[in-house]
C-alpha atoms as a PDB file:
ATOM      1  CA  UNK A   1       4.552   8.749  -9.339  1.00  0.00           C
ATOM      2  CA  UNK A   2       0.764   8.980  -8.864  1.00  0.00           C
ATOM      3  CA  UNK A   3      -0.780  12.301  -7.982  1.00  0.00           C
ATOM      4  CA  UNK A   4      -4.497  12.424  -7.033  1.00  0.00           C
ATOM      5  CA  UNK A   5      -6.419  15.273  -8.178  1.00  0.00           C
ATOM      6  CA  UNK A   6      -9.647  17.111  -7.192  1.00  0.00           C
ATOM      7  CA  UNK A   7     -11.499  16.141 -10.424  1.00  0.00           C
ATOM      8  CA  UNK A   8     -11.209  12.513  -9.365  1.00  0.00           C
ATOM      9  CA  UNK A   9     -13.072  12.899  -6.007  1.00  0.00           C
ATOM     10  CA  UNK A  10     -16.632  13.105  -4.930  1.00  0.00           C
ATOM     11  CA  UNK A  11     -17.027  14.077  -1.289  1.00  0.00           C
ATOM     12  CA  UNK A  12     -19.071  11.602   0.555  1.00  0.00           C
ATOM     13  CA  UNK A  13     -20.785  12.123   4.173  1.00  0.00           C
ATOM     14  CA  UNK A  14     -19.732   8.784   5.417  1.00  0.00           C
ATOM     15  CA  UNK A  15     -17.671   5.729   4.364  1.00  0.00           C
ATOM     16  CA  UNK A  16     -21.125   3.734   4.068  1.00  0.00           C
ATOM     17  CA  UNK A  17     -22.305   6.247   1.528  1.00  0.00           C
ATOM     18  CA  UNK A  18     -18.983   6.014  -0.280  1.00  0.00           C
ATOM     19  CA  UNK A  19     -19.522   2.269  -0.606  1.00  0.00           C
ATOM     20  CA  UNK A  20     -23.034   2.378  -1.699  1.00  0.00           C
ATOM     21  CA  UNK A  21     -22.087   4.930  -4.571  1.00  0.00           C
ATOM     22  CA  UNK A  22     -19.159   3.296  -5.749  1.00  0.00           C
ATOM     23  CA  UNK A  23     -18.298   0.155  -7.573  1.00  0.00           C
ATOM     24  CA  UNK A  24     -15.765  -1.005  -4.981  1.00  0.00           C
ATOM     25  CA  UNK A  25     -12.317  -2.826  -5.242  1.00  0.00           C
ATOM     26  CA  UNK A  26     -13.494  -6.113  -6.322  1.00  0.00           C
ATOM     27  CA  UNK A  27     -15.494  -5.214  -9.317  1.00  0.00           C
ATOM     28  CA  UNK A  28     -15.247  -8.115 -11.834  1.00  0.00           C
ATOM     29  CA  UNK A  29     -14.117  -6.040 -14.811  1.00  0.00           C
ATOM     30  CA  UNK A  30     -11.421  -4.537 -12.739  1.00  0.00           C
ATOM     31  CA  UNK A  31     -10.162  -7.872 -11.353  1.00  0.00           C
ATOM     32  CA  UNK A  32     -10.003  -9.227 -14.945  1.00  0.00           C
ATOM     33  CA  UNK A  33      -8.082  -6.118 -16.072  1.00  0.00           C
ATOM     34  CA  UNK A  34      -5.595  -6.377 -13.339  1.00  0.00           C
ATOM     35  CA  UNK A  35      -5.033 -10.192 -13.688  1.00  0.00           C
ATOM     36  CA  UNK A  36      -4.525  -9.737 -17.512  1.00  0.00           C
ATOM     37  CA  UNK A  37      -1.932  -7.061 -16.966  1.00  0.00           C
ATOM     38  CA  UNK A  38      -0.070  -9.151 -14.187  1.00  0.00           C
ATOM     39  CA  UNK A  39       0.126 -12.010 -16.667  1.00  0.00           C
ATOM     40  CA  UNK A  40       1.538  -9.759 -19.427  1.00  0.00           C
ATOM     41  CA  UNK A  41       4.163  -8.045 -17.170  1.00  0.00           C
ATOM     42  CA  UNK A  42       5.686 -11.511 -15.917  1.00  0.00           C
ATOM     43  CA  UNK A  43       8.199 -11.825 -18.724  1.00  0.00           C
ATOM     44  CA  UNK A  44       9.664  -8.367 -18.072  1.00  0.00           C
ATOM     45  CA  UNK A  45       9.719  -8.667 -14.322  1.00  0.00           C
ATOM     46  CA  UNK A  46      11.378 -12.185 -14.436  1.00  0.00           C
ATOM     47  CA  UNK A  47      14.099 -10.978 -16.627  1.00  0.00           C
ATOM     48  CA  UNK A  48      14.641  -7.290 -15.924  1.00  0.00           C
ATOM     49  CA  UNK A  49      15.582  -5.696 -12.638  1.00  0.00           C
ATOM     50  CA  UNK A  50      15.911  -1.908 -13.090  1.00  0.00           C
ATOM     51  CA  UNK A  51      18.286  -0.172 -10.760  1.00  0.00           C
ATOM     52  CA  UNK A  52      18.697   3.164 -12.905  1.00  0.00           C
ATOM     53  CA  UNK A  53      15.186   4.585 -12.085  1.00  0.00           C
ATOM     54  CA  UNK A  54      14.829   5.924  -8.475  1.00  0.00           C
ATOM     55  CA  UNK A  55      11.615   7.604  -7.614  1.00  0.00           C
ATOM     56  CA  UNK A  56      10.972   9.183  -4.112  1.00  0.00           C
ATOM     57  CA  UNK A  57       8.744   6.134  -3.621  1.00  0.00           C
ATOM     58  CA  UNK A  58      11.573   3.746  -4.304  1.00  0.00           C
ATOM     59  CA  UNK A  59      13.885   5.697  -2.146  1.00  0.00           C
ATOM     60  CA  UNK A  60      11.642   5.516   0.746  1.00  0.00           C
ATOM     61  CA  UNK A  61      11.006   1.877   0.440  1.00  0.00           C
ATOM     62  CA  UNK A  62      14.753   0.883   0.205  1.00  0.00           C
ATOM     63  CA  UNK A  63      15.615   3.040   3.186  1.00  0.00           C
ATOM     64  CA  UNK A  64      12.800   1.507   5.131  1.00  0.00           C
ATOM     65  CA  UNK A  65      13.934  -1.943   3.937  1.00  0.00           C
ATOM     66  CA  UNK A  66      17.471  -1.271   4.803  1.00  0.00           C
ATOM     67  CA  UNK A  67      16.775   0.085   8.303  1.00  0.00           C
ATOM     68  CA  UNK A  68      14.377  -2.705   9.206  1.00  0.00           C
ATOM     69  CA  UNK A  69      15.494  -6.007   7.765  1.00  0.00           C
ATOM     70  CA  UNK A  70      18.229  -5.388   5.114  1.00  0.00           C
ATOM     71  CA  UNK A  71      20.635  -7.101   7.304  1.00  0.00           C
ATOM     72  CA  UNK A  72      18.512 -10.324   7.776  1.00  0.00           C
ATOM     73  CA  UNK A  73      19.230 -13.268   5.453  1.00  0.00           C
ATOM     74  CA  UNK A  74      15.594 -14.261   4.833  1.00  0.00           C
ATOM     75  CA  UNK A  75      13.538 -11.554   6.555  1.00  0.00           C
ATOM     76  CA  UNK A  76       9.590 -12.069   6.593  1.00  0.00           C
ATOM     77  CA  UNK A  77       7.960  -9.148   4.719  1.00  0.00           C
ATOM     78  CA  UNK A  78       4.012  -8.802   4.525  1.00  0.00           C
ATOM     79  CA  UNK A  79       2.920  -6.378   1.738  1.00  0.00           C
ATOM     80  CA  UNK A  80      -0.594  -5.461   2.632  1.00  0.00           C
ATOM     81  CA  UNK A  81      -2.551  -4.141  -0.155  1.00  0.00           C
ATOM     82  CA  UNK A  82       0.551  -4.593  -2.243  1.00  0.00           C
ATOM     83  CA  UNK A  83      -1.265  -5.443  -5.525  1.00  0.00           C
ATOM     84  CA  UNK A  84       1.291  -7.597  -7.914  1.00  0.00           C
ATOM     85  CA  UNK A  85       4.055  -7.207  -5.263  1.00  0.00           C
ATOM     86  CA  UNK A  86       6.306  -5.005  -7.593  1.00  0.00           C
ATOM     87  CA  UNK A  87       8.018  -3.788  -4.292  1.00  0.00           C
ATOM     88  CA  UNK A  88       9.849  -6.971  -3.973  1.00  0.00           C
ATOM     89  CA  UNK A  89      11.341  -6.210  -7.595  1.00  0.00           C
ATOM     90  CA  UNK A  90      12.540  -2.992  -6.361  1.00  0.00           C
ATOM     91  CA  UNK A  91      14.149  -4.617  -3.152  1.00  0.00           C
ATOM     92  CA  UNK A  92      16.056  -7.010  -5.388  1.00  0.00           C
ATOM     93  CA  UNK A  93      17.226  -4.306  -7.802  1.00  0.00           C
ATOM     94  CA  UNK A  94      18.587  -2.515  -4.966  1.00  0.00           C
ATOM     95  CA  UNK A  95      20.206  -5.337  -3.071  1.00  0.00           C
ATOM     96  CA  UNK A  96      21.755  -8.101  -5.070  1.00  0.00           C
ATOM     97  CA  UNK A  97      20.930 -11.564  -3.705  1.00  0.00           C
ATOM     98  CA  UNK A  98      18.049 -10.181  -1.324  1.00  0.00           C
ATOM     99  CA  UNK A  99      15.866 -13.331  -0.481  1.00  0.00           C
ATOM    100  CA  UNK A 100      12.902 -12.161   1.465  1.00  0.00           C
ATOM    101  CA  UNK A 101       9.780 -14.273   2.334  1.00  0.00           C
ATOM    102  CA  UNK A 102       7.381 -12.087   0.664  1.00  0.00           C
ATOM    103  CA  UNK A 103       3.708 -12.235   1.207  1.00  0.00           C
ATOM    104  CA  UNK A 104       1.044 -10.003  -0.577  1.00  0.00           C
ATOM    105  CA  UNK A 105      -2.189  -9.645   1.314  1.00  0.00           C
ATOM    106  CA  UNK A 106      -4.958  -8.552  -0.875  1.00  0.00           C
ATOM    107  CA  UNK A 107      -8.790  -8.514  -1.288  1.00  0.00           C
ATOM    108  CA  UNK A 108      -9.987 -12.226  -1.728  1.00  0.00           C
ATOM    109  CA  UNK A 109     -10.883 -11.843  -5.338  1.00  0.00           C
ATOM    110  CA  UNK A 110      -7.457 -10.239  -6.295  1.00  0.00           C
ATOM    111  CA  UNK A 111      -5.534 -12.809  -4.287  1.00  0.00           C
ATOM    112  CA  UNK A 112      -7.340 -15.627  -5.959  1.00  0.00           C
ATOM    113  CA  UNK A 113      -6.826 -14.143  -9.516  1.00  0.00           C
ATOM    114  CA  UNK A 114      -3.195 -13.563  -9.007  1.00  0.00           C
ATOM    115  CA  UNK A 115      -2.614 -16.979  -7.235  1.00  0.00           C
ATOM    116  CA  UNK A 116      -3.887 -18.994 -10.472  1.00  0.00           C
ATOM    117  CA  UNK A 117      -1.389 -17.476 -12.597  1.00  0.00           C
ATOM    118  CA  UNK A 118       1.881 -19.416 -12.602  1.00  0.00           C
ATOM    119  CA  UNK A 119       4.945 -17.439 -11.725  1.00  0.00           C
ATOM    120  CA  UNK A 120       8.491 -17.706 -10.156  1.00  0.00           C
ATOM    121  CA  UNK A 121       8.592 -14.249  -8.643  1.00  0.00           C
ATOM    122  CA  UNK A 122       8.825 -15.699  -5.215  1.00  0.00           C
ATOM    123  CA  UNK A 123       5.651 -13.921  -3.898  1.00  0.00           C
ATOM    124  CA  UNK A 124       2.780 -15.674  -1.963  1.00  0.00           C
ATOM    125  CA  UNK A 125      -0.559 -14.067  -2.548  1.00  0.00           C
ATOM    126  CA  UNK A 126      -3.063 -14.439   0.216  1.00  0.00           C
ATOM    127  CA  UNK A 127      -6.628 -12.995   0.970  1.00  0.00           C
ATOM    128  CA  UNK A 128      -6.333  -9.965   3.403  1.00  0.00           C
ATOM    129  CA  UNK A 129      -8.225 -11.741   6.265  1.00  0.00           C
ATOM    130  CA  UNK A 130      -5.315 -14.087   6.511  1.00  0.00           C
ATOM    131  CA  UNK A 131      -3.263 -11.306   8.042  1.00  0.00           C
ATOM    132  CA  UNK A 132      -3.530 -11.933  11.814  1.00  0.00           C
ATOM    133  CA  UNK A 133      -1.972 -11.566  15.131  1.00  0.00           C
ATOM    134  CA  UNK A 134      -0.812 -15.259  15.015  1.00  0.00           C
ATOM    135  CA  UNK A 135       1.676 -14.391  12.110  1.00  0.00           C
ATOM    136  CA  UNK A 136       5.111 -12.797  12.590  1.00  0.00           C
ATOM    137  CA  UNK A 137       6.946 -10.505  10.179  1.00  0.00           C
ATOM    138  CA  UNK A 138      10.145  -8.496  10.359  1.00  0.00           C
ATOM    139  CA  UNK A 139       8.565  -5.809   8.289  1.00  0.00           C
ATOM    140  CA  UNK A 140       5.007  -4.949   7.164  1.00  0.00           C
ATOM    141  CA  UNK A 141       4.505  -2.444   4.252  1.00  0.00           C
ATOM    142  CA  UNK A 142       1.479  -0.361   4.135  1.00  0.00           C
ATOM    143  CA  UNK A 143       1.830   1.582   0.855  1.00  0.00           C
ATOM    144  CA  UNK A 144      -1.371   3.480  -0.485  1.00  0.00           C
ATOM    145  CA  UNK A 145      -3.168   1.143   1.726  1.00  0.00           C
ATOM    146  CA  UNK A 146      -4.589   2.828   4.822  1.00  0.00           C
ATOM    147  CA  UNK A 147      -6.699   5.393   2.985  1.00  0.00           C
ATOM    148  CA  UNK A 148      -8.791   2.666   1.190  1.00  0.00           C
ATOM    149  CA  UNK A 149      -9.757   0.791   4.460  1.00  0.00           C
ATOM    150  CA  UNK A 150     -12.902   1.242   6.352  1.00  0.00           C
ATOM    151  CA  UNK A 151     -11.175   0.435   9.610  1.00  0.00           C
ATOM    152  CA  UNK A 152      -7.751   1.643   8.927  1.00  0.00           C
ATOM    153  CA  UNK A 153      -6.944   2.151  12.587  1.00  0.00           C
ATOM    154  CA  UNK A 154      -7.656  -1.578  13.478  1.00  0.00           C
ATOM    155  CA  UNK A 155      -5.315  -2.802  10.553  1.00  0.00           C
ATOM    156  CA  UNK A 156      -2.519  -0.448  11.563  1.00  0.00           C
ATOM    157  CA  UNK A 157      -2.524  -1.818  15.252  1.00  0.00           C
ATOM    158  CA  UNK A 158      -2.640  -5.306  13.983  1.00  0.00           C
ATOM    159  CA  UNK A 159       0.555  -4.742  11.892  1.00  0.00           C
ATOM    160  CA  UNK A 160       2.232  -3.096  14.865  1.00  0.00           C
ATOM    161  CA  UNK A 161       1.372  -6.168  16.837  1.00  0.00           C
ATOM    162  CA  UNK A 162       2.500  -8.866  14.527  1.00  0.00           C
ATOM    163  CA  UNK A 163       5.386  -7.019  12.899  1.00  0.00           C
ATOM    164  CA  UNK A 164       8.803  -5.652  14.302  1.00  0.00           C
ATOM    165  CA  UNK A 165       8.708  -2.713  11.792  1.00  0.00           C
ATOM    166  CA  UNK A 166       5.843  -1.156   9.901  1.00  0.00           C
ATOM    167  CA  UNK A 167       6.576   1.128   6.815  1.00  0.00           C
ATOM    168  CA  UNK A 168       3.549   3.363   5.932  1.00  0.00           C
ATOM    169  CA  UNK A 169       3.833   5.068   2.621  1.00  0.00           C
ATOM    170  CA  UNK A 170       2.008   7.074   0.023  1.00  0.00           C
ATOM    171  CA  UNK A 171      -0.684   8.030   2.465  1.00  0.00           C
ATOM    172  CA  UNK A 172      -2.652  11.260   2.571  1.00  0.00           C
ATOM    173  CA  UNK A 173      -2.449  12.859   5.970  1.00  0.00           C
ATOM    174  CA  UNK A 174      -4.487  16.070   6.826  1.00  0.00           C
ATOM    175  CA  UNK A 175      -4.184  18.533   9.693  1.00  0.00           C
ATOM    176  CA  UNK A 176      -7.709  17.602  10.859  1.00  0.00           C
ATOM    177  CA  UNK A 177      -9.285  16.014  13.999  1.00  0.00           C
ATOM    178  CA  UNK A 178     -11.317  13.764  11.764  1.00  0.00           C
ATOM    179  CA  UNK A 179     -10.952  11.883   8.507  1.00  0.00           C
ATOM    180  CA  UNK A 180     -12.323  13.205   5.130  1.00  0.00           C
ATOM    181  CA  UNK A 181     -14.020  10.730   2.977  1.00  0.00           C
ATOM    182  CA  UNK A 182     -14.661  10.685  -0.721  1.00  0.00           C
ATOM    183  CA  UNK A 183     -15.429   8.669  -3.856  1.00  0.00           C
ATOM    184  CA  UNK A 184     -12.514   8.075  -6.062  1.00  0.00           C
ATOM    185  CA  UNK A 185     -12.900   7.729  -9.692  1.00  0.00           C
ATOM    186  CA  UNK A 186      -9.447   7.213 -11.439  1.00  0.00           C
ATOM    187  CA  UNK A 187      -8.959   9.018 -14.853  1.00  0.00           C
ATOM    188  CA  UNK A 188      -6.321   7.022 -16.263  1.00  0.00           C
ATOM    189  CA  UNK A 189      -5.131   3.495 -17.068  1.00  0.00           C
ATOM    190  CA  UNK A 190      -7.032   0.198 -16.576  1.00  0.00           C
ATOM    191  CA  UNK A 191      -8.845   1.979 -13.812  1.00  0.00           C
ATOM    192  CA  UNK A 192     -10.562   4.369 -16.105  1.00  0.00           C
ATOM    193  CA  UNK A 193     -10.951   1.730 -18.716  1.00  0.00           C
ATOM    194  CA  UNK A 194     -12.804  -0.472 -16.198  1.00  0.00           C
ATOM    195  CA  UNK A 195     -14.735   2.536 -14.950  1.00  0.00           C
ATOM    196  CA  UNK A 196     -13.564   1.730 -11.536  1.00  0.00           C
ATOM    197  CA  UNK A 197     -14.710   3.563  -8.395  1.00  0.00           C
ATOM    198  CA  UNK A 198     -14.055   3.313  -4.627  1.00  0.00           C
ATOM    199  CA  UNK A 199     -14.144   4.883  -1.202  1.00  0.00           C
ATOM    200  CA  UNK A 200     -11.075   6.886  -0.139  1.00  0.00           C
ATOM    201  CA  UNK A 201     -10.252   8.705   2.998  1.00  0.00           C
ATOM    202  CA  UNK A 202      -7.584  11.513   3.910  1.00  0.00           C
ATOM    203  CA  UNK A 203      -6.302  10.292   7.446  1.00  0.00           C
ATOM    204  CA  UNK A 204      -6.485  12.701  10.162  1.00  0.00           C
ATOM    205  CA  UNK A 205      -3.034  13.441  11.462  1.00  0.00           C
ATOM    206  CA  UNK A 206      -4.255  13.531  15.206  1.00  0.00           C
ATOM    207  CA  UNK A 207      -5.567  10.014  15.084  1.00  0.00           C
ATOM    208  CA  UNK A 208      -2.702   8.614  13.168  1.00  0.00           C
ATOM    209  CA  UNK A 209       0.093   9.922  15.330  1.00  0.00           C
ATOM    210  CA  UNK A 210      -1.790   8.943  18.419  1.00  0.00           C
ATOM    211  CA  UNK A 211      -1.641   5.264  17.404  1.00  0.00           C
ATOM    212  CA  UNK A 212       1.910   5.536  16.232  1.00  0.00           C
ATOM    213  CA  UNK A 213       3.004   7.224  19.562  1.00  0.00           C
ATOM    214  CA  UNK A 214       1.278   4.777  21.748  1.00  0.00           C
ATOM    215  CA  UNK A 215       2.374   1.598  19.882  1.00  0.00           C
ATOM    216  CA  UNK A 216       5.597   2.506  18.305  1.00  0.00           C
ATOM    217  CA  UNK A 217       8.761   4.506  17.963  1.00  0.00           C
ATOM    218  CA  UNK A 218       9.208   6.563  14.749  1.00  0.00           C
ATOM    219  CA  UNK A 219      12.542   5.751  13.037  1.00  0.00           C
ATOM    220  CA  UNK A 220      12.065   8.256  10.205  1.00  0.00           C
ATOM    221  CA  UNK A 221       9.159  10.253   8.576  1.00  0.00           C
ATOM    222  CA  UNK A 222       9.186  12.079   5.212  1.00  0.00           C
ATOM    223  CA  UNK A 223       7.212  13.560   2.392  1.00  0.00           C
ATOM    224  CA  UNK A 224       6.846  12.182  -1.108  1.00  0.00           C
ATOM    225  CA  UNK A 225       6.524  15.302  -3.226  1.00  0.00           C
ATOM    226  CA  UNK A 226       6.110  13.503  -6.384  1.00  0.00           C
ATOM    227  CA  UNK A 227       2.865  11.995  -5.194  1.00  0.00           C
ATOM    228  CA  UNK A 228       0.218  14.487  -4.142  1.00  0.00           C
ATOM    229  CA  UNK A 229      -3.224  14.800  -3.045  1.00  0.00           C
ATOM    230  CA  UNK A 230      -5.672  17.949  -3.010  1.00  0.00           C
ATOM    231  CA  UNK A 231      -6.837  19.393   0.321  1.00  0.00           C
ATOM    232  CA  UNK A 232      -8.222  22.942   0.974  1.00  0.00           C
ATOM    233  CA  UNK A 233      -7.464  24.156  -2.354  1.00  0.00           C
ATOM    234  CA  UNK A 234      -3.704  23.164  -2.662  1.00  0.00           C
ATOM    235  CA  UNK A 235      -1.963  19.947  -3.595  1.00  0.00           C
ATOM    236  CA  UNK A 236       0.000  18.362  -0.590  1.00  0.00           C
ATOM    237  CA  UNK A 237       2.527  15.597  -0.525  1.00  0.00           C
ATOM    238  CA  UNK A 238       1.707  12.095   0.607  1.00  0.00           C
ATOM    239  CA  UNK A 239       3.597  10.937   3.777  1.00  0.00           C
ATOM    240  CA  UNK A 240       5.841   8.110   4.735  1.00  0.00           C
ATOM    241  CA  UNK A 241       6.616   6.692   8.201  1.00  0.00           C
ATOM    242  CA  UNK A 242       8.818   3.947   9.202  1.00  0.00           C
ATOM    243  CA  UNK A 243       8.049   2.808  12.753  1.00  0.00           C
ATOM    244  CA  UNK A 244       9.405   0.230  15.180  1.00  0.00           C
ATOM    245  CA  UNK A 245       6.855  -1.637  17.310  1.00  0.00           C
ATOM    246  CA  UNK A 246       6.704  -1.525  20.915  1.00  0.00           C
ATOM    247  CA  UNK A 247       5.012  -4.790  21.320  1.00  0.00           C
END
């Protein structure tokens, strides 16, 4: 689980201000730490599929997988902003013999770093600008992703155009007509050790639902009470939506 707390956030007046006052996602020290961690974890990932630990996050993922493409022999899955692609491990642990065609779309620097490391995970790592309307996916996963994008609306609309289903997970949604923007400075793990910082936003429910209602049909929505964020003096659960595209 991953909770976000008020002492990790500094309010910003705009996305541009948050960019100017943070190190960003492609900071060299952070990329190096992520690549080293990925390399060190390969042995464990290749030999161990843990089906005993079930977080709410994993439950939402597997439910979304089952409802969207669990019945397809080799479904095409895009994991946009999917880091090292660990969600494929979870899918395989829950469904023995699952063989998805799995692509992680990450920032250019992260995708390049991961692609240089030999592995047999069955994951293709591509720069995020390769995610286009010329591609076709059975499912696109947007987990802890939209809040870190300057133009999240465009990415969501694109996913709803090139994918049959879209699974939005671990997303802070607020009851507001406009987004709230901050600089995030993580307080633990390799992110703290790398002195990482980057822009983050809390999504306005009104804007998010307007896009979903126009371009898709909601299959299910849920709260993740194990992963929360601060807003108006309280901790609120992140939200999950599985939607089926109308396109």
